Amino acid sequence: MSRHALRQRKSDEVAFPVRVKFRIPDRGLSNSQAIHDWLRDMIGRGDFAVHAGRSVGMQSFAVYFISLRDADRFHRAFPELQFADGTCLDVYDSPAKAARRKGPMDQTMMRQAAQTLADRLQRSLDNPRTEHVILVREEAVLAKGLLDGLADLLERTAIATSD
């Protein structure tokens, strides 16, 4: 990418209040000319910008708009385009990621999470230089979720057996 394109992208990121990133399918973007034509004809030159997107684990492109209404019109015109949502990828890390999970953990999820945490703790314990086991925030959130889930499971089991 040329220096001019980088400067222009930074300028557009500051100027346009709405940016929407879309995933480029593995087979490529076959309708890119139709997309550019639609933007030019329906939104108008100077009221949008298109740049390569920066995404982890996928190719993407970003479209910059002046209004949410224009972004919505664009997405309605091209419903086959998928958002470049990288938050579901394994490489995405955030303390809030564990909170995004909907509903309580089921037994399979609890087993997998417990095994992941147990492996991490065992690696720390196997290291003779480790005096204290320190968990990163995501692991601490996972441990708290596991303990809460276990307490809930034990409580439900106790109620079920007392009935």
C-alpha atoms as a PDB file:
ATOM      1  CA  MET A   1       0.000   0.000   0.000  1.00  0.00           C
ATOM      2  CA  SER A   2       1.410   3.364  -0.963  1.00  0.00           C
ATOM      3  CA  ARG A   3       2.144   6.133   1.510  1.00  0.00           C
ATOM      4  CA  HIS A   4      -0.626   8.199  -0.033  1.00  0.00           C
ATOM      5  CA  ALA A   5      -3.168   5.421   0.590  1.00  0.00           C
ATOM      6  CA  LEU A   6      -2.050   5.117   4.223  1.00  0.00           C
ATOM      7  CA  ARG A   7      -2.360   8.873   4.752  1.00  0.00           C
ATOM      8  CA  GLN A   8      -5.763   8.849   3.066  1.00  0.00           C
ATOM      9  CA  ARG A   9      -7.026   5.978   5.221  1.00  0.00           C
ATOM     10  CA  LYS A  10      -5.959   7.788   8.399  1.00  0.00           C
ATOM     11  CA  SER A  11      -7.621  10.945   7.168  1.00  0.00           C
ATOM     12  CA  ASP A  12     -10.824   9.035   6.366  1.00  0.00           C
ATOM     13  CA  GLU A  13     -10.817   7.326   9.775  1.00  0.00           C
ATOM     14  CA  VAL A  14     -10.822  10.751  11.402  1.00  0.00           C
ATOM     15  CA  ALA A  15     -13.296  12.365   8.998  1.00  0.00           C
ATOM     16  CA  PHE A  16     -16.007   9.701   8.676  1.00  0.00           C
ATOM     17  CA  PRO A  17     -17.902   8.863  11.875  1.00  0.00           C
ATOM     18  CA  VAL A  18     -19.156   5.437  10.703  1.00  0.00           C
ATOM     19  CA  ARG A  19     -16.913   2.577   9.642  1.00  0.00           C
ATOM     20  CA  VAL A  20     -18.198  -0.889   8.771  1.00  0.00           C
ATOM     21  CA  LYS A  21     -15.805  -3.759   8.088  1.00  0.00           C
ATOM     22  CA  PHE A  22     -16.834  -6.655   5.885  1.00  0.00           C
ATOM     23  CA  ARG A  23     -15.211 -10.043   5.409  1.00  0.00           C
ATOM     24  CA  ILE A  24     -13.809 -10.867   1.980  1.00  0.00           C
ATOM     25  CA  PRO A  25     -14.846 -14.450   1.123  1.00  0.00           C
ATOM     26  CA  ASP A  26     -12.098 -16.996   0.467  1.00  0.00           C
ATOM     27  CA  ARG A  27     -13.059 -17.033  -3.208  1.00  0.00           C
ATOM     28  CA  GLY A  28     -12.675 -13.249  -3.404  1.00  0.00           C
ATOM     29  CA  LEU A  29     -15.106 -10.409  -3.826  1.00  0.00           C
ATOM     30  CA  SER A  30     -16.789 -11.054  -7.165  1.00  0.00           C
ATOM     31  CA  ASN A  31     -19.107  -8.047  -6.964  1.00  0.00           C
ATOM     32  CA  SER A  32     -16.557  -5.358  -6.096  1.00  0.00           C
ATOM     33  CA  GLN A  33     -17.381  -3.299  -9.184  1.00  0.00           C
ATOM     34  CA  ALA A  34     -21.098  -3.414  -8.350  1.00  0.00           C
ATOM     35  CA  ILE A  35     -20.271  -2.291  -4.798  1.00  0.00           C
ATOM     36  CA  HIS A  36     -18.238   0.681  -6.019  1.00  0.00           C
ATOM     37  CA  ASP A  37     -20.898   1.603  -8.586  1.00  0.00           C
ATOM     38  CA  TRP A  38     -23.656   1.465  -5.962  1.00  0.00           C
ATOM     39  CA  LEU A  39     -21.669   3.605  -3.531  1.00  0.00           C
ATOM     40  CA  ARG A  40     -20.913   6.197  -6.203  1.00  0.00           C
ATOM     41  CA  ASP A  41     -24.506   6.305  -7.514  1.00  0.00           C
ATOM     42  CA  MET A  42     -26.469   5.963  -4.259  1.00  0.00           C
ATOM     43  CA  ILE A  43     -24.243   7.605  -1.644  1.00  0.00           C
ATOM     44  CA  GLY A  44     -22.307  10.045  -3.806  1.00  0.00           C
ATOM     45  CA  ARG A  45     -18.656  10.829  -4.328  1.00  0.00           C
ATOM     46  CA  GLY A  46     -17.065  12.370  -1.275  1.00  0.00           C
ATOM     47  CA  ASP A  47     -19.662  10.900   1.095  1.00  0.00           C
ATOM     48  CA  PHE A  48     -17.968   7.510   1.479  1.00  0.00           C
ATOM     49  CA  ALA A  49     -14.532   5.905   1.406  1.00  0.00           C
ATOM     50  CA  VAL A  50     -13.379   2.321   0.901  1.00  0.00           C
ATOM     51  CA  HIS A  51     -10.115   0.899   2.209  1.00  0.00           C
ATOM     52  CA  ALA A  52      -8.557  -2.469   2.862  1.00  0.00           C
ATOM     53  CA  GLY A  53      -9.549  -3.597   6.338  1.00  0.00           C
ATOM     54  CA  ARG A  54      -7.137  -4.632   9.043  1.00  0.00           C
ATOM     55  CA  SER A  55      -8.431  -7.874  10.526  1.00  0.00           C
ATOM     56  CA  VAL A  56      -6.979 -10.900  12.257  1.00  0.00           C
ATOM     57  CA  GLY A  57      -7.634 -14.278  10.678  1.00  0.00           C
ATOM     58  CA  MET A  58      -9.479 -12.968   7.626  1.00  0.00           C
ATOM     59  CA  GLN A  59      -9.282 -10.578   4.730  1.00  0.00           C
ATOM     60  CA  SER A  60     -11.605  -7.608   4.967  1.00  0.00           C
ATOM     61  CA  PHE A  61     -12.444  -4.215   3.602  1.00  0.00           C
ATOM     62  CA  ALA A  62     -13.830  -1.187   5.379  1.00  0.00           C
ATOM     63  CA  VAL A  63     -16.437   1.228   4.101  1.00  0.00           C
ATOM     64  CA  TYR A  64     -16.616   4.632   5.749  1.00  0.00           C
ATOM     65  CA  PHE A  65     -19.903   6.559   5.812  1.00  0.00           C
ATOM     66  CA  ILE A  66     -21.142   9.913   7.065  1.00  0.00           C
ATOM     67  CA  SER A  67     -24.323   8.465   8.581  1.00  0.00           C
ATOM     68  CA  LEU A  68     -25.653   5.244  10.034  1.00  0.00           C
ATOM     69  CA  ARG A  69     -28.539   5.519   7.575  1.00  0.00           C
ATOM     70  CA  ASP A  70     -26.126   5.266   4.631  1.00  0.00           C
ATOM     71  CA  ALA A  71     -24.365   2.296   6.227  1.00  0.00           C
ATOM     72  CA  ASP A  72     -27.720   0.572   6.718  1.00  0.00           C
ATOM     73  CA  ARG A  73     -28.761   1.272   3.112  1.00  0.00           C
ATOM     74  CA  PHE A  74     -25.467  -0.212   1.908  1.00  0.00           C
ATOM     75  CA  HIS A  75     -25.857  -3.353   3.992  1.00  0.00           C
ATOM     76  CA  ARG A  76     -29.445  -3.789   2.784  1.00  0.00           C
ATOM     77  CA  ALA A  77     -28.238  -3.478  -0.823  1.00  0.00           C
ATOM     78  CA  PHE A  78     -25.569  -6.150  -0.255  1.00  0.00           C
ATOM     79  CA  PRO A  79     -26.984  -8.528   2.395  1.00  0.00           C
ATOM     80  CA  GLU A  80     -24.596 -11.300   1.342  1.00  0.00           C
ATOM     81  CA  LEU A  81     -21.672  -9.361   2.823  1.00  0.00           C
ATOM     82  CA  GLN A  82     -20.704 -10.630   6.265  1.00  0.00           C
ATOM     83  CA  PHE A  83     -19.359  -8.340   8.945  1.00  0.00           C
ATOM     84  CA  ALA A  84     -15.675  -8.889   9.706  1.00  0.00           C
ATOM     85  CA  ASP A  85     -16.373  -9.853  13.315  1.00  0.00           C
ATOM     86  CA  GLY A  86     -13.103 -11.096  14.718  1.00  0.00           C
ATOM     87  CA  THR A  87     -14.320 -11.230  18.320  1.00  0.00           C
ATOM     88  CA  CYS A  88     -15.311 -14.875  17.916  1.00  0.00           C
ATOM     89  CA  LEU A  89     -11.820 -15.939  16.787  1.00  0.00           C
ATOM     90  CA  ASP A  90      -9.527 -17.801  19.184  1.00  0.00           C
ATOM     91  CA  VAL A  91      -6.817 -15.172  18.661  1.00  0.00           C
ATOM     92  CA  TYR A  92      -9.064 -12.369  19.982  1.00  0.00           C
ATOM     93  CA  ASP A  93      -8.458 -11.690  23.653  1.00  0.00           C
ATOM     94  CA  SER A  94     -10.416  -9.411  25.949  1.00  0.00           C
ATOM     95  CA  PRO A  95     -11.474  -9.502  29.614  1.00  0.00           C
ATOM     96  CA  ALA A  96     -15.025  -8.986  28.399  1.00  0.00           C
ATOM     97  CA  LYS A  97     -14.875 -11.999  26.061  1.00  0.00           C
ATOM     98  CA  ALA A  98     -15.955 -14.413  28.798  1.00  0.00           C
ATOM     99  CA  ALA A  99     -18.885 -12.133  29.619  1.00  0.00           C
ATOM    100  CA  ARG A 100     -20.120 -12.291  25.995  1.00  0.00           C
ATOM    101  CA  ARG A 101     -20.979 -15.951  26.427  1.00  0.00           C
ATOM    102  CA  LYS A 102     -24.748 -16.272  26.544  1.00  0.00           C
ATOM    103  CA  GLY A 103     -26.265 -18.186  29.431  1.00  0.00           C
ATOM    104  CA  PRO A 104     -24.640 -20.491  31.944  1.00  0.00           C
ATOM    105  CA  MET A 105     -21.881 -22.910  31.012  1.00  0.00           C
ATOM    106  CA  ASP A 106     -23.056 -26.390  30.149  1.00  0.00           C
ATOM    107  CA  GLN A 107     -21.141 -29.493  31.291  1.00  0.00           C
ATOM    108  CA  THR A 108     -19.082 -29.762  28.094  1.00  0.00           C
ATOM    109  CA  MET A 109     -18.059 -26.104  28.288  1.00  0.00           C
ATOM    110  CA  MET A 110     -17.184 -26.487  31.965  1.00  0.00           C
ATOM    111  CA  ARG A 111     -15.081 -29.579  31.264  1.00  0.00           C
ATOM    112  CA  GLN A 112     -13.177 -27.879  28.441  1.00  0.00           C
ATOM    113  CA  ALA A 113     -12.608 -24.707  30.462  1.00  0.00           C
ATOM    114  CA  ALA A 114     -11.523 -26.685  33.502  1.00  0.00           C
ATOM    115  CA  GLN A 115      -9.064 -28.732  31.411  1.00  0.00           C
ATOM    116  CA  THR A 116      -7.585 -25.586  29.837  1.00  0.00           C
ATOM    117  CA  LEU A 117      -7.165 -23.952  33.234  1.00  0.00           C
ATOM    118  CA  ALA A 118      -5.796 -27.154  34.819  1.00  0.00           C
ATOM    119  CA  ASP A 119      -3.211 -27.476  32.030  1.00  0.00           C
ATOM    120  CA  ARG A 120      -2.085 -23.878  32.559  1.00  0.00           C
ATOM    121  CA  LEU A 121      -1.838 -24.353  36.311  1.00  0.00           C
ATOM    122  CA  GLN A 122       0.066 -27.630  35.894  1.00  0.00           C
ATOM    123  CA  ARG A 123       2.598 -25.951  33.597  1.00  0.00           C
ATOM    124  CA  SER A 124       3.120 -23.277  36.260  1.00  0.00           C
ATOM    125  CA  LEU A 125       3.499 -25.899  39.002  1.00  0.00           C
ATOM    126  CA  ASP A 126       5.929 -27.955  36.906  1.00  0.00           C
ATOM    127  CA  ASN A 127       8.248 -24.971  36.556  1.00  0.00           C
ATOM    128  CA  PRO A 128      10.634 -25.125  39.552  1.00  0.00           C
ATOM    129  CA  ARG A 129      11.233 -21.360  39.334  1.00  0.00           C
ATOM    130  CA  THR A 130       7.540 -20.604  39.918  1.00  0.00           C
ATOM    131  CA  GLU A 131       6.958 -19.525  43.505  1.00  0.00           C
ATOM    132  CA  HIS A 132       3.465 -18.180  42.937  1.00  0.00           C
ATOM    133  CA  VAL A 133       0.989 -19.135  40.263  1.00  0.00           C
ATOM    134  CA  ILE A 134      -0.217 -15.965  38.598  1.00  0.00           C
ATOM    135  CA  LEU A 135      -3.228 -16.048  36.319  1.00  0.00           C
ATOM    136  CA  VAL A 136      -3.781 -13.614  33.514  1.00  0.00           C
ATOM    137  CA  ARG A 137      -7.105 -11.775  33.721  1.00  0.00           C
ATOM    138  CA  GLU A 138      -8.843 -14.075  31.229  1.00  0.00           C
ATOM    139  CA  GLU A 139      -7.792 -17.134  33.242  1.00  0.00           C
ATOM    140  CA  ALA A 140      -8.985 -15.547  36.482  1.00  0.00           C
ATOM    141  CA  VAL A 141     -12.361 -14.781  34.883  1.00  0.00           C
ATOM    142  CA  LEU A 142     -12.491 -18.377  33.629  1.00  0.00           C
ATOM    143  CA  ALA A 143     -11.643 -19.752  37.087  1.00  0.00           C
ATOM    144  CA  LYS A 144     -14.311 -17.567  38.699  1.00  0.00           C
ATOM    145  CA  GLY A 145     -16.857 -18.721  36.105  1.00  0.00           C
ATOM    146  CA  LEU A 146     -15.949 -22.353  36.712  1.00  0.00           C
ATOM    147  CA  LEU A 147     -16.264 -21.999  40.474  1.00  0.00           C
ATOM    148  CA  ASP A 148     -19.592 -20.173  40.145  1.00  0.00           C
ATOM    149  CA  GLY A 149     -20.833 -22.818  37.706  1.00  0.00           C
ATOM    150  CA  LEU A 150     -19.704 -25.619  39.991  1.00  0.00           C
ATOM    151  CA  ALA A 151     -21.426 -24.006  42.982  1.00  0.00           C
ATOM    152  CA  ASP A 152     -24.624 -23.607  40.933  1.00  0.00           C
ATOM    153  CA  LEU A 153     -24.418 -27.210  39.731  1.00  0.00           C
ATOM    154  CA  LEU A 154     -23.884 -28.507  43.276  1.00  0.00           C
ATOM    155  CA  GLU A 155     -26.804 -26.411  44.539  1.00  0.00           C
ATOM    156  CA  ARG A 156     -29.132 -27.714  41.813  1.00  0.00           C
ATOM    157  CA  THR A 157     -28.007 -31.285  42.514  1.00  0.00           C
ATOM    158  CA  ALA A 158     -28.631 -30.837  46.249  1.00  0.00           C
ATOM    159  CA  ILE A 159     -32.127 -29.431  45.593  1.00  0.00           C
ATOM    160  CA  ALA A 160     -32.932 -32.233  43.159  1.00  0.00           C
ATOM    161  CA  THR A 161     -31.841 -34.954  45.588  1.00  0.00           C
ATOM    162  CA  SER A 162     -33.754 -33.391  48.518  1.00  0.00           C
ATOM    163  CA  ASP A 163     -37.028 -33.397  46.566  1.00  0.00           C
END
